[in-house]
C-alpha atoms as a PDB file:
ATOM      1  CA  MET A   1     -94.504-195.355  86.486  1.00  0.00           C
ATOM      2  CA  LEU A   2     -92.808-192.599  84.133  1.00  0.00           C
ATOM      3  CA  ARG A   3     -89.122-192.227  85.110  1.00  0.00           C
ATOM      4  CA  LEU A   4     -86.648-189.444  83.936  1.00  0.00           C
ATOM      5  CA  PRO A   5     -84.210-190.173  81.337  1.00  0.00           C
ATOM      6  CA  PRO A   6     -80.376-190.275  81.924  1.00  0.00           C
ATOM      7  CA  LEU A   7     -79.468-186.592  82.439  1.00  0.00           C
ATOM      8  CA  ARG A   8     -76.405-184.661  83.706  1.00  0.00           C
ATOM      9  CA  TYR A   9     -77.049-182.447  86.499  1.00  0.00           C
ATOM     10  CA  GLU A  10     -75.183-179.066  86.879  1.00  0.00           C
ATOM     11  CA  ALA A  11     -75.843-176.726  89.683  1.00  0.00           C
ATOM     12  CA  PRO A  12     -73.601-173.671  89.212  1.00  0.00           C
ATOM     13  CA  SER A  13     -73.157-171.050  91.885  1.00  0.00           C
ATOM     14  CA  THR A  14     -73.147-167.789  89.747  1.00  0.00           C
ATOM     15  CA  LEU A  15     -75.282-166.567  86.797  1.00  0.00           C
ATOM     16  CA  GLU A  16     -72.585-166.299  84.584  1.00  0.00           C
ATOM     17  CA  GLU A  17     -71.470-170.036  85.000  1.00  0.00           C
ATOM     18  CA  ALA A  18     -75.342-170.772  84.401  1.00  0.00           C
ATOM     19  CA  VAL A  19     -75.366-168.860  81.218  1.00  0.00           C
ATOM     20  CA  ALA A  20     -72.379-170.798  79.908  1.00  0.00           C
ATOM     21  CA  LEU A  21     -73.792-174.018  80.600  1.00  0.00           C
ATOM     22  CA  LEU A  22     -77.003-173.363  78.636  1.00  0.00           C
ATOM     23  CA  ALA A  23     -74.830-172.589  75.581  1.00  0.00           C
ATOM     24  CA  GLU A  24     -74.234-176.338  75.547  1.00  0.00           C
ATOM     25  CA  ASP A  25     -76.507-178.558  73.280  1.00  0.00           C
ATOM     26  CA  GLY A  26     -79.320-180.217  75.047  1.00  0.00           C
ATOM     27  CA  ALA A  27     -79.034-178.134  78.086  1.00  0.00           C
ATOM     28  CA  LEU A  28     -82.291-177.229  79.892  1.00  0.00           C
ATOM     29  CA  LEU A  29     -82.715-174.547  82.699  1.00  0.00           C
ATOM     30  CA  ALA A  30     -84.509-175.677  86.106  1.00  0.00           C
ATOM     31  CA  ALA A  31     -86.031-173.413  88.743  1.00  0.00           C
ATOM     32  CA  GLY A  32     -88.526-175.341  91.111  1.00  0.00           C
ATOM     33  CA  GLY A  33     -88.800-178.151  88.473  1.00  0.00           C
ATOM     34  CA  SER A  34     -92.464-178.625  89.232  1.00  0.00           C
ATOM     35  CA  ASP A  35     -93.409-178.410  85.461  1.00  0.00           C
ATOM     36  CA  LEU A  36     -90.055-179.421  84.010  1.00  0.00           C
ATOM     37  CA  VAL A  37     -89.628-182.843  85.721  1.00  0.00           C
ATOM     38  CA  PRO A  38     -93.184-184.190  84.572  1.00  0.00           C
ATOM     39  CA  ASN A  39     -92.413-182.972  81.068  1.00  0.00           C
ATOM     40  CA  LEU A  40     -89.121-184.694  81.186  1.00  0.00           C
ATOM     41  CA  LYS A  41     -90.859-187.950  82.262  1.00  0.00           C
ATOM     42  CA  ARG A  42     -93.099-187.733  79.409  1.00  0.00           C
ATOM     43  CA  ARG A  43     -90.055-187.291  77.055  1.00  0.00           C
ATOM     44  CA  GLN A  44     -91.183-184.145  75.950  1.00  0.00           C
ATOM     45  CA  TYR A  45     -87.847-182.727  75.328  1.00  0.00           C
ATOM     46  CA  PRO A  46     -86.025-185.791  73.620  1.00  0.00           C
ATOM     47  CA  THR A  47     -82.762-183.761  72.939  1.00  0.00           C
ATOM     48  CA  ALA A  48     -82.358-182.920  76.642  1.00  0.00           C
ATOM     49  CA  ARG A  49     -78.849-183.738  78.073  1.00  0.00           C
ATOM     50  CA  THR A  50     -78.044-181.417  80.983  1.00  0.00           C
ATOM     51  CA  ILE A  51     -80.131-179.927  83.493  1.00  0.00           C
ATOM     52  CA  VAL A  52     -78.833-176.558  84.825  1.00  0.00           C
ATOM     53  CA  SER A  53     -80.345-175.804  88.205  1.00  0.00           C
ATOM     54  CA  LEU A  54     -80.165-172.273  89.678  1.00  0.00           C
ATOM     55  CA  ARG A  55     -80.812-173.481  93.236  1.00  0.00           C
ATOM     56  CA  ARG A  56     -77.196-172.489  94.370  1.00  0.00           C
ATOM     57  CA  VAL A  57     -77.153-168.874  92.671  1.00  0.00           C
ATOM     58  CA  ALA A  58     -77.270-166.265  95.412  1.00  0.00           C
ATOM     59  CA  ASP A  59     -79.450-163.162  95.307  1.00  0.00           C
ATOM     60  CA  LEU A  60     -82.387-165.239  93.120  1.00  0.00           C
ATOM     61  CA  VAL A  61     -84.780-165.355  96.262  1.00  0.00           C
ATOM     62  CA  GLY A  62     -86.576-162.479  97.838  1.00  0.00           C
ATOM     63  CA  ILE A  63     -88.901-159.693  97.564  1.00  0.00           C
ATOM     64  CA  ARG A  64     -87.882-156.155  98.044  1.00  0.00           C
ATOM     65  CA  VAL A  65     -90.226-153.121  98.075  1.00  0.00           C
ATOM     66  CA  GLU A  66     -88.392-149.847  97.583  1.00  0.00           C
ATOM     67  CA  SER A  67     -89.505-146.532  98.962  1.00  0.00           C
ATOM     68  CA  ASP A  68     -91.294-145.417  95.916  1.00  0.00           C
ATOM     69  CA  GLY A  69     -93.679-148.489  95.783  1.00  0.00           C
ATOM     70  CA  THR A  70     -91.546-150.203  93.305  1.00  0.00           C
ATOM     71  CA  ILE A  71     -91.599-154.038  93.938  1.00  0.00           C
ATOM     72  CA  ARG A  72     -88.851-156.241  93.121  1.00  0.00           C
ATOM     73  CA  ILE A  73     -89.386-160.201  92.761  1.00  0.00           C
ATOM     74  CA  ALA A  74     -86.398-162.477  92.486  1.00  0.00           C
ATOM     75  CA  ALA A  75     -86.906-165.246  90.071  1.00  0.00           C
ATOM     76  CA  LEU A  76     -86.427-168.254  92.602  1.00  0.00           C
ATOM     77  CA  THR A  77     -89.061-166.782  94.973  1.00  0.00           C
ATOM     78  CA  THR A  78     -91.577-169.339  95.398  1.00  0.00           C
ATOM     79  CA  LEU A  79     -95.170-168.835  94.749  1.00  0.00           C
ATOM     80  CA  ALA A  80     -95.964-169.774  98.509  1.00  0.00           C
ATOM     81  CA  THR A  81     -93.736-166.731  99.609  1.00  0.00           C
ATOM     82  CA  VAL A  82     -95.606-164.647  97.320  1.00  0.00           C
ATOM     83  CA  VAL A  83     -99.069-165.792  98.598  1.00  0.00           C
ATOM     84  CA  GLU A  84     -97.918-164.796 102.163  1.00  0.00           C
ATOM     85  CA  ASP A  85     -96.274-161.428 101.499  1.00  0.00           C
ATOM     86  CA  SER A  86     -98.940-158.914 102.504  1.00  0.00           C
ATOM     87  CA  ARG A  87     -96.763-156.041 100.815  1.00  0.00           C
ATOM     88  CA  LEU A  88     -97.518-157.388  97.481  1.00  0.00           C
ATOM     89  CA  PRO A  89    -100.689-156.261  95.476  1.00  0.00           C
ATOM     90  CA  LYS A  90    -103.741-158.432  96.330  1.00  0.00           C
ATOM     91  CA  VAL A  91    -104.229-159.565  92.643  1.00  0.00           C
ATOM     92  CA  LEU A  92    -100.813-160.984  92.537  1.00  0.00           C
ATOM     93  CA  ARG A  93    -101.191-163.024  95.637  1.00  0.00           C
ATOM     94  CA  GLU A  94    -104.340-164.442  94.686  1.00  0.00           C
ATOM     95  CA  ALA A  95    -103.137-165.348  91.322  1.00  0.00           C
ATOM     96  CA  ALA A  96     -99.874-167.254  92.903  1.00  0.00           C
ATOM     97  CA  GLY A  97    -102.536-168.883  95.214  1.00  0.00           C
ATOM     98  CA  ALA A  98    -104.454-170.203  92.330  1.00  0.00           C
ATOM     99  CA  VAL A  99    -101.613-172.141  91.107  1.00  0.00           C
ATOM    100  CA  ALA A 100    -101.852-175.923  91.699  1.00  0.00           C
ATOM    101  CA  SER A 101    -101.743-176.894  95.339  1.00  0.00           C
ATOM    102  CA  PRO A 102     -99.920-175.894  98.321  1.00  0.00           C
ATOM    103  CA  GLN A 103     -97.077-178.369  97.920  1.00  0.00           C
ATOM    104  CA  ILE A 104     -96.531-177.298  94.351  1.00  0.00           C
ATOM    105  CA  ARG A 105     -96.592-173.775  95.223  1.00  0.00           C
ATOM    106  CA  ASN A 106     -93.806-174.474  97.873  1.00  0.00           C
ATOM    107  CA  GLN A 107     -91.503-175.717  95.137  1.00  0.00           C
ATOM    108  CA  GLY A 108     -92.745-173.715  92.193  1.00  0.00           C
ATOM    109  CA  THR A 109     -91.154-170.343  91.458  1.00  0.00           C
ATOM    110  CA  VAL A 110     -92.179-166.882  90.131  1.00  0.00           C
ATOM    111  CA  GLY A 111     -89.635-167.310  87.430  1.00  0.00           C
ATOM    112  CA  GLY A 112     -90.776-170.645  86.488  1.00  0.00           C
ATOM    113  CA  ASN A 113     -94.455-169.841  86.310  1.00  0.00           C
ATOM    114  CA  LEU A 114     -93.744-166.978  84.006  1.00  0.00           C
ATOM    115  CA  CYS A 115     -91.746-168.982  81.663  1.00  0.00           C
ATOM    116  CA  VAL A 116     -93.714-172.258  81.893  1.00  0.00           C
ATOM    117  CA  ASP A 117     -94.010-174.369  78.818  1.00  0.00           C
ATOM    118  CA  THR A 118     -97.224-174.072  76.489  1.00  0.00           C
ATOM    119  CA  ARG A 119     -99.590-177.084  76.867  1.00  0.00           C
ATOM    120  CA  CYS A 120    -101.963-179.113  74.720  1.00  0.00           C
ATOM    121  CA  ASP A 121    -103.704-182.145  74.803  1.00  0.00           C
ATOM    122  CA  TRP A 122    -101.765-183.711  72.029  1.00  0.00           C
ATOM    123  CA  LEU A 123     -98.409-182.850  73.792  1.00  0.00           C
ATOM    124  CA  ASN A 124     -98.716-183.436  77.438  1.00  0.00           C
ATOM    125  CA  VAL A 125     -99.019-187.068  77.113  1.00  0.00           C
ATOM    126  CA  PRO A 126     -96.518-189.975  77.693  1.00  0.00           C
ATOM    127  CA  ASP A 127     -94.529-190.556  74.602  1.00  0.00           C
ATOM    128  CA  THR A 128     -96.334-193.812  73.661  1.00  0.00           C
ATOM    129  CA  TRP A 129     -99.428-192.162  73.302  1.00  0.00           C
ATOM    130  CA  ARG A 130     -97.769-189.195  70.970  1.00  0.00           C
ATOM    131  CA  GLN A 131     -96.214-191.790  68.989  1.00  0.00           C
ATOM    132  CA  ALA A 132     -99.436-193.768  68.569  1.00  0.00           C
ATOM    133  CA  ALA A 133    -101.273-190.686  67.375  1.00  0.00           C
ATOM    134  CA  GLU A 134     -98.320-189.683  65.316  1.00  0.00           C
ATOM    135  CA  PRO A 135     -96.198-186.619  66.991  1.00  0.00           C
ATOM    136  CA  CYS A 136     -97.759-183.290  66.722  1.00  0.00           C
ATOM    137  CA  LEU A 137     -95.730-180.387  65.398  1.00  0.00           C
ATOM    138  CA  LYS A 138     -94.243-179.303  68.841  1.00  0.00           C
ATOM    139  CA  ALA A 139     -93.388-183.168  69.372  1.00  0.00           C
ATOM    140  CA  GLY A 140     -91.356-183.283  65.987  1.00  0.00           C
ATOM    141  CA  GLY A 141     -94.097-184.157  63.689  1.00  0.00           C
ATOM    142  CA  GLU A 142     -94.999-182.269  60.629  1.00  0.00           C
ATOM    143  CA  MET A 143     -98.507-180.630  61.587  1.00  0.00           C
ATOM    144  CA  CYS A 144    -100.705-179.335  64.214  1.00  0.00           C
ATOM    145  CA  TRP A 145    -103.290-181.672  65.082  1.00  0.00           C
ATOM    146  CA  VAL A 146    -105.354-179.077  66.592  1.00  0.00           C
ATOM    147  CA  ALA A 147    -105.209-176.795  63.413  1.00  0.00           C
ATOM    148  CA  PRO A 148    -104.089-179.180  60.700  1.00  0.00           C
ATOM    149  CA  ALA A 149    -104.710-176.450  57.882  1.00  0.00           C
ATOM    150  CA  LYS A 150    -102.430-174.231  59.734  1.00  0.00           C
ATOM    151  CA  LYS A 151     -98.352-174.145  59.671  1.00  0.00           C
ATOM    152  CA  ASP A 152     -98.157-172.947  63.552  1.00  0.00           C
ATOM    153  CA  CYS A 153     -98.359-174.626  66.889  1.00  0.00           C
ATOM    154  CA  TRP A 154    -101.340-173.743  68.735  1.00  0.00           C
ATOM    155  CA  ALA A 155    -100.308-175.027  72.528  1.00  0.00           C
ATOM    156  CA  VAL A 156    -101.673-172.467  74.927  1.00  0.00           C
ATOM    157  CA  SER A 157    -100.035-170.299  77.568  1.00  0.00           C
ATOM    158  CA  SER A 158    -100.781-171.679  81.043  1.00  0.00           C
ATOM    159  CA  SER A 159     -99.317-169.478  83.409  1.00  0.00           C
ATOM    160  CA  ASP A 160    -101.462-167.697  86.181  1.00  0.00           C
ATOM    161  CA  LEU A 161     -98.930-164.996  86.961  1.00  0.00           C
ATOM    162  CA  ALA A 162     -98.296-163.819  83.382  1.00  0.00           C
ATOM    163  CA  PRO A 163    -101.629-162.243  82.732  1.00  0.00           C
ATOM    164  CA  VAL A 164    -101.535-160.428  85.979  1.00  0.00           C
ATOM    165  CA  MET A 165     -97.917-158.975  85.475  1.00  0.00           C
ATOM    166  CA  VAL A 166     -98.833-157.716  82.030  1.00  0.00           C
ATOM    167  CA  ALA A 167    -101.945-156.216  83.551  1.00  0.00           C
ATOM    168  CA  LEU A 168     -99.565-154.487  85.891  1.00  0.00           C
ATOM    169  CA  GLY A 169     -97.328-153.453  83.625  1.00  0.00           C
ATOM    170  CA  ALA A 170     -94.156-155.212  85.082  1.00  0.00           C
ATOM    171  CA  GLU A 171     -90.928-155.532  83.546  1.00  0.00           C
ATOM    172  CA  VAL A 172     -88.423-158.396  83.468  1.00  0.00           C
ATOM    173  CA  GLN A 173     -84.818-158.364  84.089  1.00  0.00           C
ATOM    174  CA  LEU A 174     -82.727-160.980  81.833  1.00  0.00           C
ATOM    175  CA  ILE A 175     -79.215-161.988  81.697  1.00  0.00           C
ATOM    176  CA  GLY A 176     -77.400-163.627  78.926  1.00  0.00           C
ATOM    177  CA  PRO A 177     -74.043-164.045  76.724  1.00  0.00           C
ATOM    178  CA  ASP A 178     -74.377-160.400  75.835  1.00  0.00           C
ATOM    179  CA  GLY A 179     -75.098-158.966  79.385  1.00  0.00           C
ATOM    180  CA  ARG A 180     -78.181-157.878  81.019  1.00  0.00           C
ATOM    181  CA  ARG A 181     -81.191-156.146  79.787  1.00  0.00           C
ATOM    182  CA  SER A 182     -84.647-155.201  80.899  1.00  0.00           C
ATOM    183  CA  ILE A 183     -87.920-155.477  78.834  1.00  0.00           C
ATOM    184  CA  PRO A 184     -91.560-154.934  79.547  1.00  0.00           C
ATOM    185  CA  ILE A 185     -93.036-158.421  80.236  1.00  0.00           C
ATOM    186  CA  GLU A 186     -95.518-158.361  77.474  1.00  0.00           C
ATOM    187  CA  GLN A 187     -92.581-158.336  75.200  1.00  0.00           C
ATOM    188  CA  LEU A 188     -91.392-161.505  76.873  1.00  0.00           C
ATOM    189  CA  TYR A 189     -94.134-163.661  74.983  1.00  0.00           C
ATOM    190  CA  ARG A 190     -94.826-164.474  71.580  1.00  0.00           C
ATOM    191  CA  ASN A 191     -98.039-166.151  70.207  1.00  0.00           C
ATOM    192  CA  ASP A 192     -96.327-169.153  69.044  1.00  0.00           C
ATOM    193  CA  GLY A 193     -96.572-172.600  70.699  1.00  0.00           C
ATOM    194  CA  MET A 194     -93.182-173.563  69.881  1.00  0.00           C
ATOM    195  CA  ALA A 195     -91.188-170.405  70.407  1.00  0.00           C
ATOM    196  CA  TYR A 196     -93.532-168.992  72.661  1.00  0.00           C
ATOM    197  CA  LEU A 197     -90.723-166.750  74.566  1.00  0.00           C
ATOM    198  CA  THR A 198     -88.704-164.079  72.773  1.00  0.00           C
ATOM    199  CA  LYS A 199     -85.697-164.572  75.193  1.00  0.00           C
ATOM    200  CA  THR A 200     -83.009-166.664  73.870  1.00  0.00           C
ATOM    201  CA  THR A 201     -82.248-170.185  75.449  1.00  0.00           C
ATOM    202  CA  GLU A 202     -79.189-168.936  77.001  1.00  0.00           C
ATOM    203  CA  GLU A 203     -80.815-166.078  78.687  1.00  0.00           C
ATOM    204  CA  ILE A 204     -82.115-166.255  82.300  1.00  0.00           C
ATOM    205  CA  LEU A 205     -84.991-164.492  83.998  1.00  0.00           C
ATOM    206  CA  THR A 206     -83.696-163.005  87.143  1.00  0.00           C
ATOM    207  CA  GLU A 207     -86.215-160.326  88.412  1.00  0.00           C
ATOM    208  CA  VAL A 208     -89.550-159.237  88.028  1.00  0.00           C
ATOM    209  CA  VAL A 209     -90.108-155.496  88.696  1.00  0.00           C
ATOM    210  CA  ILE A 210     -93.679-153.713  89.294  1.00  0.00           C
ATOM    211  CA  GLY A 211     -93.549-150.049  89.327  1.00  0.00           C
ATOM    212  CA  PRO A 212     -95.773-147.934  91.551  1.00  0.00           C
ATOM    213  CA  HIS A 213     -99.411-148.833  91.286  1.00  0.00           C
ATOM    214  CA  ALA A 214    -101.137-146.602  93.830  1.00  0.00           C
ATOM    215  CA  GLY A 215    -104.846-146.233  92.942  1.00  0.00           C
ATOM    216  CA  LEU A 216    -104.891-149.202  90.504  1.00  0.00           C
ATOM    217  CA  ARG A 217    -107.528-151.656  90.971  1.00  0.00           C
ATOM    218  CA  ALA A 218    -106.782-155.276  89.801  1.00  0.00           C
ATOM    219  CA  THR A 219    -108.154-158.688  89.973  1.00  0.00           C
ATOM    220  CA  TYR A 220    -107.724-162.150  88.556  1.00  0.00           C
ATOM    221  CA  ARG A 221    -110.242-164.686  87.828  1.00  0.00           C
ATOM    222  CA  LYS A 222    -109.449-168.376  86.770  1.00  0.00           C
ATOM    223  CA  LEU A 223    -111.633-170.954  85.161  1.00  0.00           C
ATOM    224  CA  ARG A 224    -110.428-174.700  85.589  1.00  0.00           C
ATOM    225  CA  ARG A 225    -112.275-177.947  85.931  1.00  0.00           C
ATOM    226  CA  ARG A 226    -111.349-178.543  89.480  1.00  0.00           C
ATOM    227  CA  GLY A 227    -110.845-175.853  92.336  1.00  0.00           C
ATOM    228  CA  SER A 228    -107.210-176.849  92.584  1.00  0.00           C
ATOM    229  CA  ILE A 229    -104.061-178.691  91.215  1.00  0.00           C
ATOM    230  CA  ASP A 230    -105.610-177.721  87.429  1.00  0.00           C
ATOM    231  CA  PHE A 231    -103.840-175.508  84.834  1.00  0.00           C
ATOM    232  CA  PRO A 232    -106.143-172.303  83.790  1.00  0.00           C
ATOM    233  CA  ILE A 233    -108.347-173.082  80.749  1.00  0.00           C
ATOM    234  CA  LEU A 234    -109.170-169.364  80.969  1.00  0.00           C
ATOM    235  CA  GLY A 235    -107.597-166.759  83.021  1.00  0.00           C
ATOM    236  CA  VAL A 236    -108.777-162.829  82.965  1.00  0.00           C
ATOM    237  CA  ALA A 237    -106.546-160.339  84.541  1.00  0.00           C
ATOM    238  CA  ALA A 238    -108.116-156.796  84.809  1.00  0.00           C
ATOM    239  CA  ALA A 239    -106.478-153.662  85.927  1.00  0.00           C
ATOM    240  CA  VAL A 240    -108.184-150.254  85.810  1.00  0.00           C
ATOM    241  CA  ARG A 241    -107.829-146.697  87.166  1.00  0.00           C
ATOM    242  CA  LEU A 242    -111.029-144.468  88.057  1.00  0.00           C
ATOM    243  CA  ASP A 243    -111.256-140.731  88.437  1.00  0.00           C
ATOM    244  CA  ASP A 244    -113.532-139.269  91.377  1.00  0.00           C
ATOM    245  CA  ALA A 245    -116.271-139.105  88.836  1.00  0.00           C
ATOM    246  CA  ASP A 246    -115.949-142.797  88.106  1.00  0.00           C
ATOM    247  CA  ILE A 247    -114.404-142.028  84.722  1.00  0.00           C
ATOM    248  CA  CYS A 248    -112.173-144.929  83.568  1.00  0.00           C
ATOM    249  CA  THR A 249    -108.568-143.135  82.952  1.00  0.00           C
ATOM    250  CA  GLU A 250    -106.698-146.276  82.502  1.00  0.00           C
ATOM    251  CA  ALA A 251    -107.441-150.149  81.617  1.00  0.00           C
ATOM    252  CA  ARG A 252    -105.805-153.369  80.866  1.00  0.00           C
ATOM    253  CA  ILE A 253    -107.360-156.441  80.161  1.00  0.00           C
ATOM    254  CA  VAL A 254    -105.571-159.851  79.503  1.00  0.00           C
ATOM    255  CA  LEU A 255    -106.596-163.232  78.938  1.00  0.00           C
ATOM    256  CA  GLY A 256    -104.788-166.183  79.679  1.00  0.00           C
ATOM    257  CA  ALA A 257    -105.002-169.823  78.372  1.00  0.00           C
ATOM    258  CA  VAL A 258    -106.618-168.976  75.197  1.00  0.00           C
ATOM    259  CA  ALA A 259    -103.410-168.335  72.932  1.00  0.00           C
ATOM    260  CA  SER A 260     -99.888-169.370  73.055  1.00  0.00           C
ATOM    261  CA  ALA A 261     -99.243-165.958  74.830  1.00  0.00           C
ATOM    262  CA  PRO A 262    -101.126-163.783  77.339  1.00  0.00           C
ATOM    263  CA  LEU A 263    -103.788-161.943  75.219  1.00  0.00           C
ATOM    264  CA  ARG A 264    -104.381-158.320  75.732  1.00  0.00           C
ATOM    265  CA  VAL A 265    -107.615-156.984  74.683  1.00  0.00           C
ATOM    266  CA  PRO A 266    -107.063-153.384  73.269  1.00  0.00           C
ATOM    267  CA  THR A 267    -110.785-153.296  71.966  1.00  0.00           C
ATOM    268  CA  SER A 268    -111.964-153.827  75.609  1.00  0.00           C
ATOM    269  CA  GLU A 269    -109.798-151.179  77.003  1.00  0.00           C
ATOM    270  CA  GLU A 270    -110.987-148.721  74.454  1.00  0.00           C
ATOM    271  CA  VAL A 271    -114.475-149.205  75.433  1.00  0.00           C
ATOM    272  CA  LEU A 272    -113.585-148.376  79.040  1.00  0.00           C
ATOM    273  CA  VAL A 273    -111.318-145.645  78.878  1.00  0.00           C
ATOM    274  CA  GLY A 274    -112.819-142.042  78.708  1.00  0.00           C
ATOM    275  CA  ARG A 275    -116.204-143.445  79.491  1.00  0.00           C
ATOM    276  CA  THR A 276    -118.109-143.721  82.849  1.00  0.00           C
ATOM    277  CA  TYR A 277    -117.452-147.102  84.619  1.00  0.00           C
ATOM    278  CA  ASN A 278    -120.814-148.461  84.858  1.00  0.00           C
ATOM    279  CA  ALA A 279    -122.634-151.769  83.932  1.00  0.00           C
ATOM    280  CA  GLU A 280    -123.105-150.730  80.224  1.00  0.00           C
ATOM    281  CA  THR A 281    -119.415-150.167  79.429  1.00  0.00           C
ATOM    282  CA  ILE A 282    -118.640-153.237  81.359  1.00  0.00           C
ATOM    283  CA  ALA A 283    -120.858-155.174  79.161  1.00  0.00           C
ATOM    284  CA  GLU A 284    -119.441-153.851  75.981  1.00  0.00           C
ATOM    285  CA  ALA A 285    -115.982-154.427  77.229  1.00  0.00           C
ATOM    286  CA  ALA A 286    -116.880-158.189  77.829  1.00  0.00           C
ATOM    287  CA  GLU A 287    -118.370-158.596  74.481  1.00  0.00           C
ATOM    288  CA  ALA A 288    -115.371-156.830  72.956  1.00  0.00           C
ATOM    289  CA  ALA A 289    -113.175-159.734  74.642  1.00  0.00           C
ATOM    290  CA  ARG A 290    -115.257-162.570  73.281  1.00  0.00           C
ATOM    291  CA  LYS A 291    -115.029-161.364  69.727  1.00  0.00           C
ATOM    292  CA  LEU A 292    -111.365-161.240  69.955  1.00  0.00           C
ATOM    293  CA  ALA A 293    -110.327-164.534  71.347  1.00  0.00           C
ATOM    294  CA  ARG A 294    -110.492-167.814  69.636  1.00  0.00           C
ATOM    295  CA  PRO A 295    -109.661-170.622  72.024  1.00  0.00           C
ATOM    296  CA  LEU A 296    -109.115-174.218  70.170  1.00  0.00           C
ATOM    297  CA  ASN A 297    -109.880-177.635  71.327  1.00  0.00           C
ATOM    298  CA  ASN A 298    -106.448-178.328  72.727  1.00  0.00           C
ATOM    299  CA  THR A 299    -107.084-178.351  76.610  1.00  0.00           C
ATOM    300  CA  ASP A 300    -109.569-179.338  79.197  1.00  0.00           C
ATOM    301  CA  LEU A 301    -113.273-178.836  78.233  1.00  0.00           C
ATOM    302  CA  THR A 302    -114.357-177.639  75.112  1.00  0.00           C
ATOM    303  CA  SER A 303    -113.409-174.661  72.960  1.00  0.00           C
ATOM    304  CA  ARG A 304    -117.085-173.494  72.632  1.00  0.00           C
ATOM    305  CA  TYR A 305    -117.584-173.699  76.451  1.00  0.00           C
ATOM    306  CA  ARG A 306    -114.420-171.719  77.221  1.00  0.00           C
ATOM    307  CA  THR A 307    -115.576-169.081  74.524  1.00  0.00           C
ATOM    308  CA  ARG A 308    -118.724-168.728  76.127  1.00  0.00           C
ATOM    309  CA  MET A 309    -116.994-168.273  79.505  1.00  0.00           C
ATOM    310  CA  ILE A 310    -114.827-165.421  78.447  1.00  0.00           C
ATOM    311  CA  PRO A 311    -117.355-162.507  78.297  1.00  0.00           C
ATOM    312  CA  VAL A 312    -118.903-164.090  81.688  1.00  0.00           C
ATOM    313  CA  PHE A 313    -115.396-163.988  83.299  1.00  0.00           C
ATOM    314  CA  VAL A 314    -114.375-160.386  82.048  1.00  0.00           C
ATOM    315  CA  ARG A 315    -117.714-159.008  83.230  1.00  0.00           C
ATOM    316  CA  ARG A 316    -117.342-160.454  86.652  1.00  0.00           C
ATOM    317  CA  ALA A 317    -113.746-159.311  86.861  1.00  0.00           C
ATOM    318  CA  LEU A 318    -114.784-155.561  85.900  1.00  0.00           C
ATOM    319  CA  GLU A 319    -117.823-155.695  88.130  1.00  0.00           C
ATOM    320  CA  GLU A 320    -115.458-156.680  91.160  1.00  0.00           C
ATOM    321  CA  LEU A 321    -113.412-153.470  90.256  1.00  0.00           C
ATOM    322  CA  GLY A 322    -116.361-151.123  90.154  1.00  0.00           C
END
């Protein structure tokens, strides 16, 4: 049985106190802990000294829908709450419902899923396994074993909510030592398996804001080995807006689990916008997505299979929206 290492536990009652604690060496932020705890047991964070829990901070739970249709979701709102709230877009409820299992969704949070650590077959194993094969770049080694000729870490983004939030054009609210700020959620991510978030380690994601989305059609499709529990090995979030003549006036296609960040596909979007939304344009958009994505052999199933599934899942998602 894997056990947690010795850790100091802090549960501040204010965000300001939490930000101050995160400035200490070896401090890690905990929301629901459904991803953090297994990673700690596998000794993925060898410098961890303190866990800073947000569970006592007021106003970090709940969903508010404003009169103009703007949706505000506090970061500690559980995934199960999102699934059950009929005021939210169907695509968001479906993506939250695709995460893990009911038990984990009762514990896991929106903020935690958006900030979930990148994953890789060389990293997410017990420490004894990593040491036997020599540690990878993210585990303190000198190279990425997935792509040894490269200098970067290729661990994949494994969030189900992130591609959907990018497709919906959401924003996130952050608080840190320099105060509060708001950024488009697309700017929260960096295509780097080690430094996969652009926020500083002392900043806390407090809220997700989704603007009015009337008339927007959106869906999410997830590929995984089993029908539950598993992280995505491919996620496709698609959102389009069509006029009365079936001309696409707006499109966003975002791939998950094929890079270290949610991957927007501008070439597919350009194929759709300004053209009649039909089988021909959908097929072109799906093929454009295949050409852009470059999954590697660092997660479940093979990269070749995942590559072949990209146009299939993009096509199915876009056909559903039509």
